[in-house]
Amino acid sequence: MPAKFFKVDANAILTLGRNSIKDHTTAVVELIKNAYDADADLVELNIRALSESASEIRIADNGHGMSDSDIENSWLRIGFSDKVTNKTSSRFTRRKTGEKGIGRLSADRLGSELELRTKSRARPATGVLVDWSKFESAGKEVGSIPLAVPKNLNPTIPGKAHQSRTRTGTELIIKKLRQRWTPDDIEKLHAELSLLLP
């Protein structure tokens, strides 16, 4: 009898991301923790919620960034976290805060489209476009759904403009937000983010 293997339904993405992260402020914190773990010392967060069609969240950092190989073998590998083997960050030796390798799925909790652009040292800029609605079809294997590539791969990295060619970092743009942001939400987010600061 041949060996049997687990298969992962595309809907598992929704269970791990959208349905297991309690609210949209927690989802933003999880994504910023990824920047913290990547040794960023600058993170820009912009929340624009003028209307449903003109709503987006942008999170950009000046951390290590990712190569194409990092995206393929780590970021797109659901459940993978190098926190297990590397408990502290390489530059600032911060204790890593990311949870269980699913923080990246927080983007689905926030909006139905994600554009990721990133640049690591000595590697060309790269990125990926994720349309989370494509994972809502039951019966599809998660690995059978192709992801697109952004037209513009160059992230806008926080910091001084004259250093832009040598800087590394990651930019996330989340569109078609799923939830309205209130002043109370912003206050709660501010309080949670303040816990990351020494």
N, C-alpha and C. Protein backbone atom coordinates (compact mmCIF):
# COMPACT_ATOMS: atom_id res chain seq x y z
N MET A 1 0.85 -1.19 0.00
CA MET A 1 0.00 0.00 0.00
C MET A 1 0.90 1.25 0.00
N PRO A 2 0.65 2.19 -0.92
CA PRO A 2 1.50 3.39 -0.98
C PRO A 2 1.30 4.30 0.24
N ALA A 3 2.34 5.09 0.54
CA ALA A 3 2.25 6.02 1.67
C ALA A 3 1.16 7.06 1.43
N LYS A 4 0.57 7.52 2.50
CA LYS A 4 -0.47 8.55 2.43
C LYS A 4 0.08 9.85 3.00
N PHE A 5 -0.45 10.98 2.50
CA PHE A 5 0.05 12.28 2.92
C PHE A 5 -1.13 13.20 3.23
N PHE A 6 -0.90 14.13 4.15
CA PHE A 6 -1.90 15.16 4.42
C PHE A 6 -2.04 16.06 3.20
N LYS A 7 -3.24 16.57 2.99
CA LYS A 7 -3.48 17.62 2.02
C LYS A 7 -4.08 18.80 2.78
N VAL A 8 -3.83 19.99 2.30
CA VAL A 8 -4.31 21.18 3.00
C VAL A 8 -5.29 21.92 2.10
N ASP A 9 -6.54 22.02 2.55
CA ASP A 9 -7.56 22.74 1.80
C ASP A 9 -7.26 24.24 1.84
N ALA A 10 -7.54 24.93 0.75
CA ALA A 10 -7.28 26.37 0.68
C ALA A 10 -8.01 27.13 1.78
N ASN A 11 -9.15 26.61 2.23
CA ASN A 11 -9.90 27.26 3.30
C ASN A 11 -9.14 27.32 4.63
N ALA A 12 -8.11 26.49 4.77
CA ALA A 12 -7.31 26.51 6.00
C ALA A 12 -6.68 27.88 6.23
N ILE A 13 -6.36 28.58 5.13
CA ILE A 13 -5.80 29.93 5.23
C ILE A 13 -6.78 30.83 6.00
N LEU A 14 -8.07 30.71 5.70
CA LEU A 14 -9.07 31.55 6.35
C LEU A 14 -9.20 31.19 7.82
N THR A 15 -9.14 29.89 8.13
CA THR A 15 -9.24 29.45 9.53
C THR A 15 -8.08 29.98 10.35
N LEU A 16 -6.87 29.91 9.78
CA LEU A 16 -5.68 30.33 10.51
C LEU A 16 -5.55 31.85 10.61
N GLY A 17 -6.00 32.55 9.60
CA GLY A 17 -5.85 34.00 9.58
C GLY A 17 -7.08 34.72 10.04
N ARG A 18 -8.03 34.85 9.14
CA ARG A 18 -9.22 35.66 9.37
C ARG A 18 -10.01 35.21 10.61
N ASN A 19 -10.12 33.90 10.81
CA ASN A 19 -11.01 33.40 11.87
C ASN A 19 -10.33 33.17 13.21
N SER A 20 -8.99 33.19 13.26
CA SER A 20 -8.34 32.90 14.54
C SER A 20 -7.72 34.13 15.20
N ILE A 21 -7.62 35.23 14.47
CA ILE A 21 -7.08 36.47 15.04
C ILE A 21 -8.25 37.32 15.51
N LYS A 22 -8.25 37.67 16.79
CA LYS A 22 -9.48 38.16 17.42
C LYS A 22 -10.04 39.45 16.85
N ASP A 23 -9.17 40.40 16.45
CA ASP A 23 -9.69 41.65 15.90
C ASP A 23 -8.65 42.32 15.02
N HIS A 24 -9.05 43.40 14.38
CA HIS A 24 -8.16 44.04 13.41
C HIS A 24 -6.98 44.76 14.05
N THR A 25 -7.12 45.23 15.29
CA THR A 25 -5.96 45.86 15.93
C THR A 25 -4.89 44.80 16.25
N THR A 26 -5.30 43.63 16.70
CA THR A 26 -4.35 42.54 16.96
C THR A 26 -3.65 42.13 15.67
N ALA A 27 -4.37 42.12 14.55
CA ALA A 27 -3.78 41.74 13.26
C ALA A 27 -2.67 42.71 12.87
N VAL A 28 -2.88 44.01 13.07
CA VAL A 28 -1.84 45.00 12.76
C VAL A 28 -0.63 44.78 13.66
N VAL A 29 -0.86 44.55 14.94
CA VAL A 29 0.24 44.32 15.88
C VAL A 29 1.07 43.11 15.43
N GLU A 30 0.42 42.04 15.00
CA GLU A 30 1.14 40.84 14.56
C GLU A 30 2.05 41.16 13.38
N LEU A 31 1.58 41.96 12.44
CA LEU A 31 2.40 42.32 11.28
C LEU A 31 3.57 43.22 11.68
N ILE A 32 3.36 44.10 12.64
CA ILE A 32 4.45 44.96 13.10
C ILE A 32 5.47 44.16 13.91
N LYS A 33 5.02 43.12 14.59
CA LYS A 33 5.96 42.23 15.29
C LYS A 33 6.93 41.59 14.30
N ASN A 34 6.47 41.29 13.09
CA ASN A 34 7.37 40.75 12.07
C ASN A 34 8.48 41.74 11.74
N ALA A 35 8.14 43.03 11.68
CA ALA A 35 9.15 44.06 11.43
C ALA A 35 10.12 44.15 12.61
N TYR A 36 9.60 44.07 13.82
CA TYR A 36 10.43 44.09 15.03
C TYR A 36 11.41 42.91 15.02
N ASP A 37 10.91 41.73 14.67
CA ASP A 37 11.76 40.54 14.62
C ASP A 37 12.82 40.63 13.53
N ALA A 38 12.56 41.44 12.49
CA ALA A 38 13.51 41.64 11.39
C ALA A 38 14.47 42.78 11.67
N ASP A 39 14.56 43.21 12.94
CA ASP A 39 15.50 44.25 13.38
C ASP A 39 15.21 45.63 12.82
N ALA A 40 13.97 45.91 12.47
CA ALA A 40 13.62 47.26 12.05
C ALA A 40 13.72 48.22 13.23
N ASP A 41 14.24 49.42 12.98
CA ASP A 41 14.17 50.45 14.01
C ASP A 41 13.28 51.61 13.57
N LEU A 42 12.72 51.49 12.36
CA LEU A 42 11.72 52.43 11.88
C LEU A 42 10.57 51.65 11.24
N VAL A 43 9.37 51.94 11.66
CA VAL A 43 8.18 51.33 11.05
C VAL A 43 7.18 52.45 10.79
N GLU A 44 6.69 52.52 9.56
CA GLU A 44 5.63 53.48 9.23
C GLU A 44 4.31 52.73 9.12
N LEU A 45 3.29 53.26 9.76
CA LEU A 45 1.95 52.68 9.71
C LEU A 45 0.98 53.76 9.25
N ASN A 46 0.30 53.50 8.16
CA ASN A 46 -0.73 54.43 7.66
C ASN A 46 -2.03 53.66 7.50
N ILE A 47 -3.09 54.19 8.10
CA ILE A 47 -4.42 53.59 7.96
C ILE A 47 -5.30 54.63 7.27
N ARG A 48 -5.74 54.27 6.08
CA ARG A 48 -6.59 55.19 5.31
C ARG A 48 -7.92 54.49 5.08
N ALA A 49 -8.97 55.03 5.66
CA ALA A 49 -10.28 54.39 5.55
C ALA A 49 -11.33 55.43 5.17
N LEU A 50 -11.10 56.08 4.02
CA LEU A 50 -12.02 57.13 3.59
C LEU A 50 -13.36 56.55 3.14
N SER A 51 -13.29 55.43 2.44
CA SER A 51 -14.49 54.72 1.98
C SER A 51 -14.10 53.28 1.72
N GLU A 52 -15.07 52.43 1.44
CA GLU A 52 -14.75 51.02 1.22
C GLU A 52 -13.83 50.83 0.02
N SER A 53 -14.04 51.61 -1.03
CA SER A 53 -13.21 51.47 -2.23
C SER A 53 -11.86 52.15 -2.10
N ALA A 54 -11.73 53.13 -1.21
CA ALA A 54 -10.47 53.85 -1.02
C ALA A 54 -9.95 53.63 0.40
N SER A 55 -9.81 52.37 0.76
CA SER A 55 -9.32 52.06 2.10
C SER A 55 -8.08 51.17 1.98
N GLU A 56 -7.08 51.46 2.79
CA GLU A 56 -5.89 50.62 2.79
C GLU A 56 -5.09 50.84 4.07
N ILE A 57 -4.30 49.84 4.39
CA ILE A 57 -3.34 49.92 5.49
C ILE A 57 -1.96 49.70 4.88
N ARG A 58 -1.02 50.57 5.22
CA ARG A 58 0.36 50.42 4.75
C ARG A 58 1.27 50.28 5.96
N ILE A 59 2.08 49.23 5.95
CA ILE A 59 3.08 49.01 7.00
C ILE A 59 4.42 48.85 6.30
N ALA A 60 5.36 49.74 6.58
CA ALA A 60 6.67 49.69 5.94
C ALA A 60 7.75 49.75 7.02
N ASP A 61 8.81 48.95 6.84
CA ASP A 61 9.87 48.92 7.85
C ASP A 61 11.24 48.94 7.19
N ASN A 62 12.27 49.20 7.98
CA ASN A 62 13.64 49.18 7.48
C ASN A 62 14.42 48.01 8.08
N GLY A 63 13.74 46.87 8.19
CA GLY A 63 14.39 45.66 8.69
C GLY A 63 15.25 44.99 7.63
N HIS A 64 15.52 43.71 7.83
CA HIS A 64 16.42 42.99 6.93
C HIS A 64 15.84 42.78 5.53
N GLY A 65 14.53 42.81 5.39
CA GLY A 65 13.91 42.52 4.11
C GLY A 65 14.01 41.03 3.79
N MET A 66 13.49 40.66 2.62
CA MET A 66 13.51 39.26 2.20
C MET A 66 13.97 39.13 0.77
N SER A 67 14.63 38.03 0.49
CA SER A 67 14.98 37.68 -0.89
C SER A 67 13.84 36.87 -1.48
N ASP A 68 13.93 36.59 -2.77
CA ASP A 68 12.92 35.76 -3.42
C ASP A 68 12.87 34.38 -2.76
N SER A 69 14.05 33.87 -2.40
CA SER A 69 14.13 32.57 -1.73
C SER A 69 13.46 32.62 -0.36
N ASP A 70 13.65 33.72 0.37
CA ASP A 70 13.00 33.88 1.69
C ASP A 70 11.48 33.84 1.56
N ILE A 71 10.96 34.53 0.54
CA ILE A 71 9.51 34.53 0.33
C ILE A 71 9.04 33.12 0.03
N GLU A 72 9.73 32.47 -0.90
CA GLU A 72 9.32 31.13 -1.34
C GLU A 72 9.39 30.09 -0.22
N ASN A 73 10.48 30.10 0.53
CA ASN A 73 10.74 29.02 1.50
C ASN A 73 10.34 29.34 2.94
N SER A 74 10.08 30.60 3.23
CA SER A 74 9.72 30.97 4.60
C SER A 74 8.36 31.67 4.67
N TRP A 75 8.25 32.83 4.00
CA TRP A 75 7.02 33.63 4.13
C TRP A 75 5.81 32.88 3.61
N LEU A 76 5.95 32.15 2.50
CA LEU A 76 4.83 31.42 1.91
C LEU A 76 4.66 30.02 2.51
N ARG A 77 5.50 29.68 3.46
CA ARG A 77 5.41 28.36 4.11
C ARG A 77 4.60 28.52 5.40
N ILE A 78 3.33 28.22 5.31
CA ILE A 78 2.41 28.47 6.42
C ILE A 78 2.79 27.62 7.63
N GLY A 79 2.88 28.27 8.77
CA GLY A 79 3.25 27.57 10.00
C GLY A 79 4.75 27.59 10.27
N PHE A 80 5.55 27.97 9.25
CA PHE A 80 6.99 28.01 9.46
C PHE A 80 7.38 29.26 10.23
N SER A 81 8.25 29.08 11.21
CA SER A 81 8.79 30.22 11.95
C SER A 81 10.22 29.91 12.33
N ASP A 82 11.15 30.78 11.95
CA ASP A 82 12.54 30.53 12.33
C ASP A 82 12.78 30.88 13.78
N LYS A 83 11.72 31.33 14.47
CA LYS A 83 11.83 31.62 15.89
C LYS A 83 12.21 30.37 16.69
N VAL A 84 11.86 29.20 16.17
CA VAL A 84 12.15 27.95 16.86
C VAL A 84 13.66 27.75 16.98
N THR A 85 14.40 28.03 15.89
CA THR A 85 15.85 27.82 15.92
C THR A 85 16.63 29.10 16.20
N ASN A 86 16.07 30.26 15.84
CA ASN A 86 16.73 31.55 16.09
C ASN A 86 15.83 32.39 16.99
N LYS A 87 16.06 32.28 18.27
CA LYS A 87 15.15 32.92 19.23
C LYS A 87 15.37 34.42 19.36
N THR A 88 16.53 34.91 18.89
CA THR A 88 16.79 36.34 18.95
C THR A 88 17.16 36.85 17.56
N SER A 89 16.92 38.14 17.34
CA SER A 89 17.22 38.74 16.04
C SER A 89 18.73 38.92 15.88
N SER A 90 19.19 38.97 14.63
CA SER A 90 20.63 38.94 14.37
C SER A 90 21.34 40.25 14.69
N ARG A 91 20.68 41.39 14.50
CA ARG A 91 21.36 42.68 14.68
C ARG A 91 21.23 43.22 16.11
N PHE A 92 20.00 43.32 16.59
CA PHE A 92 19.77 43.91 17.92
C PHE A 92 19.60 42.86 19.01
N THR A 93 19.72 41.58 18.65
CA THR A 93 19.49 40.46 19.57
C THR A 93 18.20 40.62 20.38
N ARG A 94 17.17 41.05 19.68
CA ARG A 94 15.85 41.15 20.31
C ARG A 94 15.26 39.76 20.45
N ARG A 95 14.54 39.54 21.53
CA ARG A 95 13.80 38.28 21.65
C ARG A 95 12.64 38.34 20.66
N LYS A 96 12.55 37.36 19.78
CA LYS A 96 11.54 37.40 18.73
C LYS A 96 10.14 37.23 19.30
N THR A 97 9.21 38.00 18.72
CA THR A 97 7.86 38.06 19.28
C THR A 97 6.81 37.41 18.40
N GLY A 98 7.15 37.10 17.15
CA GLY A 98 6.17 36.53 16.22
C GLY A 98 5.56 35.24 16.75
N GLU A 99 4.31 35.01 16.42
CA GLU A 99 3.58 33.86 16.96
C GLU A 99 3.40 32.76 15.91
N LYS A 100 3.92 31.60 16.15
CA LYS A 100 3.54 30.35 15.47
C LYS A 100 3.61 30.36 13.95
N GLY A 101 4.27 31.33 13.36
CA GLY A 101 4.41 31.31 11.91
C GLY A 101 3.15 31.65 11.13
N ILE A 102 2.17 32.27 11.79
CA ILE A 102 0.95 32.63 11.06
C ILE A 102 0.68 34.13 11.06
N GLY A 103 1.62 34.91 11.59
CA GLY A 103 1.43 36.36 11.65
C GLY A 103 1.16 36.97 10.29
N ARG A 104 1.80 36.42 9.24
CA ARG A 104 1.61 36.95 7.89
C ARG A 104 0.16 36.81 7.43
N LEU A 105 -0.57 35.83 8.01
CA LEU A 105 -1.97 35.64 7.64
C LEU A 105 -2.87 36.70 8.26
N SER A 106 -2.30 37.52 9.14
CA SER A 106 -3.05 38.64 9.72
C SER A 106 -3.52 39.60 8.64
N ALA A 107 -2.79 39.65 7.54
CA ALA A 107 -3.18 40.54 6.44
C ALA A 107 -4.56 40.18 5.91
N ASP A 108 -4.90 38.89 5.91
CA ASP A 108 -6.22 38.46 5.45
C ASP A 108 -7.31 38.92 6.43
N ARG A 109 -6.97 38.99 7.70
CA ARG A 109 -7.93 39.48 8.70
C ARG A 109 -8.27 40.95 8.46
N LEU A 110 -7.32 41.67 7.85
CA LEU A 110 -7.47 43.12 7.67
C LEU A 110 -8.14 43.50 6.36
N GLY A 111 -7.79 42.82 5.28
CA GLY A 111 -8.34 43.19 3.97
C GLY A 111 -8.23 42.05 2.98
N SER A 112 -8.93 42.18 1.87
CA SER A 112 -9.00 41.06 0.93
C SER A 112 -7.86 41.03 -0.08
N GLU A 113 -7.00 42.07 -0.11
CA GLU A 113 -5.86 42.06 -1.02
C GLU A 113 -4.60 42.51 -0.29
N LEU A 114 -3.49 41.85 -0.60
CA LEU A 114 -2.20 42.19 0.00
C LEU A 114 -1.16 42.34 -1.10
N GLU A 115 -0.42 43.44 -1.04
CA GLU A 115 0.75 43.63 -1.91
C GLU A 115 1.97 43.72 -1.02
N LEU A 116 2.90 42.80 -1.22
CA LEU A 116 4.13 42.78 -0.44
C LEU A 116 5.30 43.11 -1.36
N ARG A 117 6.11 44.10 -0.95
CA ARG A 117 7.35 44.43 -1.67
C ARG A 117 8.47 44.40 -0.66
N THR A 118 9.62 43.88 -1.05
CA THR A 118 10.69 43.75 -0.07
C THR A 118 12.06 43.76 -0.74
N LYS A 119 13.06 44.17 0.03
CA LYS A 119 14.44 44.26 -0.48
C LYS A 119 15.39 43.84 0.63
N SER A 120 16.19 42.82 0.35
CA SER A 120 17.22 42.40 1.31
C SER A 120 18.59 42.79 0.78
N ARG A 121 19.60 42.73 1.63
CA ARG A 121 20.93 43.16 1.25
C ARG A 121 21.49 42.28 0.13
N ALA A 122 22.07 42.92 -0.86
CA ALA A 122 22.73 42.24 -1.99
C ALA A 122 21.79 41.36 -2.79
N ARG A 123 20.49 41.62 -2.74
CA ARG A 123 19.51 40.87 -3.52
C ARG A 123 18.56 41.85 -4.19
N PRO A 124 18.06 41.53 -5.37
CA PRO A 124 17.10 42.44 -6.01
C PRO A 124 15.79 42.47 -5.24
N ALA A 125 15.06 43.58 -5.40
CA ALA A 125 13.74 43.69 -4.77
C ALA A 125 12.82 42.64 -5.35
N THR A 126 11.88 42.19 -4.53
CA THR A 126 10.94 41.16 -4.96
C THR A 126 9.60 41.39 -4.26
N GLY A 127 8.63 40.58 -4.57
CA GLY A 127 7.34 40.76 -3.92
C GLY A 127 6.30 39.76 -4.39
N VAL A 128 5.11 39.92 -3.85
CA VAL A 128 4.02 39.01 -4.17
C VAL A 128 2.69 39.73 -3.96
N LEU A 129 1.71 39.38 -4.78
CA LEU A 129 0.34 39.89 -4.64
C LEU A 129 -0.55 38.73 -4.20
N VAL A 130 -1.34 38.94 -3.16
CA VAL A 130 -2.23 37.89 -2.67
C VAL A 130 -3.67 38.40 -2.70
N ASP A 131 -4.51 37.68 -3.42
CA ASP A 131 -5.95 37.93 -3.42
C ASP A 131 -6.56 36.83 -2.56
N TRP A 132 -6.87 37.19 -1.30
CA TRP A 132 -7.32 36.17 -0.34
C TRP A 132 -8.65 35.53 -0.74
N SER A 133 -9.44 36.20 -1.55
CA SER A 133 -10.74 35.63 -1.94
C SER A 133 -10.57 34.35 -2.75
N LYS A 134 -9.42 34.17 -3.38
CA LYS A 134 -9.19 32.97 -4.18
C LYS A 134 -9.06 31.72 -3.31
N PHE A 135 -8.85 31.92 -2.01
CA PHE A 135 -8.71 30.78 -1.10
C PHE A 135 -10.04 30.38 -0.46
N GLU A 136 -11.11 31.04 -0.87
CA GLU A 136 -12.42 30.76 -0.27
C GLU A 136 -13.15 29.60 -0.93
N SER A 137 -12.62 29.08 -2.02
CA SER A 137 -13.27 27.97 -2.74
C SER A 137 -12.93 26.65 -2.07
N ALA A 138 -13.94 25.96 -1.56
CA ALA A 138 -13.73 24.67 -0.90
C ALA A 138 -13.27 23.64 -1.92
N GLY A 139 -12.43 22.72 -1.47
CA GLY A 139 -11.98 21.62 -2.33
C GLY A 139 -10.72 21.90 -3.11
N LYS A 140 -10.21 23.14 -3.05
CA LYS A 140 -8.96 23.46 -3.74
C LYS A 140 -7.78 23.23 -2.80
N GLU A 141 -6.72 22.68 -3.35
CA GLU A 141 -5.48 22.50 -2.60
C GLU A 141 -4.80 23.87 -2.45
N VAL A 142 -4.31 24.19 -1.25
CA VAL A 142 -3.75 25.52 -1.01
C VAL A 142 -2.59 25.83 -1.97
N GLY A 143 -1.80 24.82 -2.31
CA GLY A 143 -0.66 25.05 -3.19
C GLY A 143 -1.00 25.13 -4.66
N SER A 144 -2.28 24.99 -4.99
CA SER A 144 -2.68 25.03 -6.41
C SER A 144 -3.11 26.42 -6.85
N ILE A 145 -3.12 27.38 -5.92
CA ILE A 145 -3.60 28.72 -6.24
C ILE A 145 -2.39 29.64 -6.50
N PRO A 146 -2.19 30.06 -7.74
CA PRO A 146 -1.01 30.87 -8.06
C PRO A 146 -1.14 32.30 -7.53
N LEU A 147 0.00 32.85 -7.16
CA LEU A 147 0.05 34.24 -6.67
C LEU A 147 0.72 35.11 -7.73
N ALA A 148 0.25 36.33 -7.84
CA ALA A 148 0.80 37.25 -8.84
C ALA A 148 2.01 38.00 -8.28
N VAL A 149 2.64 38.77 -9.15
CA VAL A 149 3.81 39.58 -8.78
C VAL A 149 3.45 41.05 -8.99
N PRO A 150 3.77 41.93 -8.03
CA PRO A 150 3.46 43.35 -8.22
C PRO A 150 4.19 43.94 -9.42
N LYS A 151 3.57 44.94 -10.06
CA LYS A 151 4.22 45.63 -11.18
C LYS A 151 5.46 46.37 -10.69
N ASN A 152 5.33 47.00 -9.52
CA ASN A 152 6.45 47.72 -8.92
C ASN A 152 6.95 46.90 -7.73
N LEU A 153 8.19 46.40 -7.82
CA LEU A 153 8.73 45.56 -6.75
C LEU A 153 9.48 46.35 -5.69
N ASN A 154 9.78 47.62 -5.95
CA ASN A 154 10.62 48.39 -5.04
C ASN A 154 9.82 48.94 -3.86
N PRO A 155 10.14 48.49 -2.64
CA PRO A 155 9.42 49.01 -1.47
C PRO A 155 9.84 50.44 -1.16
N THR A 156 8.90 51.21 -0.62
CA THR A 156 9.23 52.53 -0.09
C THR A 156 9.60 52.32 1.38
N ILE A 157 10.90 52.44 1.66
CA ILE A 157 11.44 52.08 2.97
C ILE A 157 11.59 53.34 3.82
N PRO A 158 11.19 53.30 5.09
CA PRO A 158 11.33 54.48 5.95
C PRO A 158 12.80 54.87 6.12
N GLY A 159 13.06 56.16 6.24
CA GLY A 159 14.41 56.64 6.46
C GLY A 159 14.74 57.78 5.52
N LYS A 160 16.01 58.13 5.46
CA LYS A 160 16.46 59.26 4.64
C LYS A 160 16.46 58.89 3.17
N ALA A 161 15.96 59.80 2.34
CA ALA A 161 15.80 59.52 0.91
C ALA A 161 17.13 59.19 0.22
N HIS A 162 18.23 59.84 0.62
CA HIS A 162 19.51 59.62 -0.07
C HIS A 162 20.08 58.22 0.18
N GLN A 163 19.52 57.49 1.14
CA GLN A 163 20.00 56.13 1.42
C GLN A 163 19.15 55.06 0.74
N SER A 164 18.21 55.47 -0.10
CA SER A 164 17.21 54.54 -0.61
C SER A 164 17.80 53.36 -1.37
N ARG A 165 18.94 53.54 -2.05
CA ARG A 165 19.49 52.44 -2.85
C ARG A 165 20.16 51.38 -1.98
N THR A 166 20.59 51.75 -0.80
CA THR A 166 21.31 50.79 0.05
C THR A 166 20.44 50.23 1.16
N ARG A 167 19.24 50.79 1.34
CA ARG A 167 18.40 50.35 2.45
C ARG A 167 17.72 49.03 2.17
N THR A 168 17.43 48.31 3.24
CA THR A 168 16.66 47.08 3.16
C THR A 168 15.37 47.26 3.94
N GLY A 169 14.38 46.46 3.62
CA GLY A 169 13.12 46.55 4.35
C GLY A 169 11.97 45.93 3.58
N THR A 170 10.79 46.05 4.17
CA THR A 170 9.58 45.44 3.61
C THR A 170 8.43 46.43 3.69
N GLU A 171 7.59 46.41 2.67
CA GLU A 171 6.40 47.25 2.63
C GLU A 171 5.18 46.36 2.35
N LEU A 172 4.18 46.46 3.20
CA LEU A 172 2.91 45.75 3.01
C LEU A 172 1.83 46.77 2.73
N ILE A 173 1.04 46.53 1.69
CA ILE A 173 -0.12 47.39 1.40
C ILE A 173 -1.34 46.48 1.36
N ILE A 174 -2.24 46.70 2.29
CA ILE A 174 -3.45 45.88 2.42
C ILE A 174 -4.63 46.71 1.96
N LYS A 175 -5.37 46.19 0.99
CA LYS A 175 -6.48 46.94 0.39
C LYS A 175 -7.81 46.26 0.64
N LYS A 176 -8.89 47.01 0.35
CA LYS A 176 -10.26 46.52 0.55
C LYS A 176 -10.45 46.02 1.99
N LEU A 177 -10.30 46.96 2.92
CA LEU A 177 -10.35 46.62 4.34
C LEU A 177 -11.69 46.00 4.71
N ARG A 178 -11.63 45.06 5.64
CA ARG A 178 -12.82 44.31 6.04
C ARG A 178 -13.59 45.00 7.16
N GLN A 179 -12.94 45.93 7.86
CA GLN A 179 -13.57 46.51 9.03
C GLN A 179 -13.30 48.01 9.10
N ARG A 180 -14.25 48.72 9.65
CA ARG A 180 -14.10 50.16 9.84
C ARG A 180 -13.20 50.43 11.04
N TRP A 181 -12.35 51.45 10.94
CA TRP A 181 -11.48 51.83 12.04
C TRP A 181 -12.07 53.04 12.77
N THR A 182 -12.23 52.94 14.08
CA THR A 182 -12.78 54.02 14.89
C THR A 182 -11.66 54.66 15.70
N PRO A 183 -11.90 55.84 16.27
CA PRO A 183 -10.89 56.44 17.16
C PRO A 183 -10.53 55.51 18.33
N ASP A 184 -11.48 54.76 18.84
CA ASP A 184 -11.19 53.81 19.93
C ASP A 184 -10.24 52.71 19.46
N ASP A 185 -10.43 52.26 18.21
CA ASP A 185 -9.53 51.24 17.66
C ASP A 185 -8.10 51.78 17.60
N ILE A 186 -7.95 53.02 17.18
CA ILE A 186 -6.62 53.63 17.06
C ILE A 186 -5.97 53.74 18.44
N GLU A 187 -6.76 54.13 19.44
CA GLU A 187 -6.24 54.23 20.82
C GLU A 187 -5.78 52.85 21.32
N LYS A 188 -6.58 51.83 21.05
CA LYS A 188 -6.23 50.47 21.47
C LYS A 188 -4.95 50.01 20.77
N LEU A 189 -4.84 50.31 19.48
CA LEU A 189 -3.66 49.93 18.72
C LEU A 189 -2.42 50.63 19.27
N HIS A 190 -2.55 51.90 19.59
CA HIS A 190 -1.43 52.67 20.15
C HIS A 190 -0.96 52.04 21.47
N ALA A 191 -1.90 51.66 22.30
CA ALA A 191 -1.55 51.06 23.60
C ALA A 191 -0.82 49.72 23.40
N GLU A 192 -1.29 48.90 22.46
CA GLU A 192 -0.67 47.60 22.23
C GLU A 192 0.72 47.74 21.62
N LEU A 193 0.88 48.70 20.71
CA LEU A 193 2.18 48.90 20.09
C LEU A 193 3.20 49.45 21.07
N SER A 194 2.75 50.22 22.03
CA SER A 194 3.67 50.80 23.02
C SER A 194 4.36 49.71 23.84
N LEU A 195 3.75 48.52 23.91
CA LEU A 195 4.36 47.42 24.67
C LEU A 195 5.60 46.87 23.98
N LEU A 196 5.76 47.14 22.66
CA LEU A 196 6.94 46.68 21.94
C LEU A 196 8.15 47.56 22.21
N LEU A 197 7.91 48.77 22.70
CA LEU A 197 9.03 49.70 22.93
C LEU A 197 9.67 49.44 24.27
N PRO A 198 11.00 49.49 24.36
CA PRO A 198 11.67 49.28 25.64
C PRO A 198 11.37 50.42 26.60
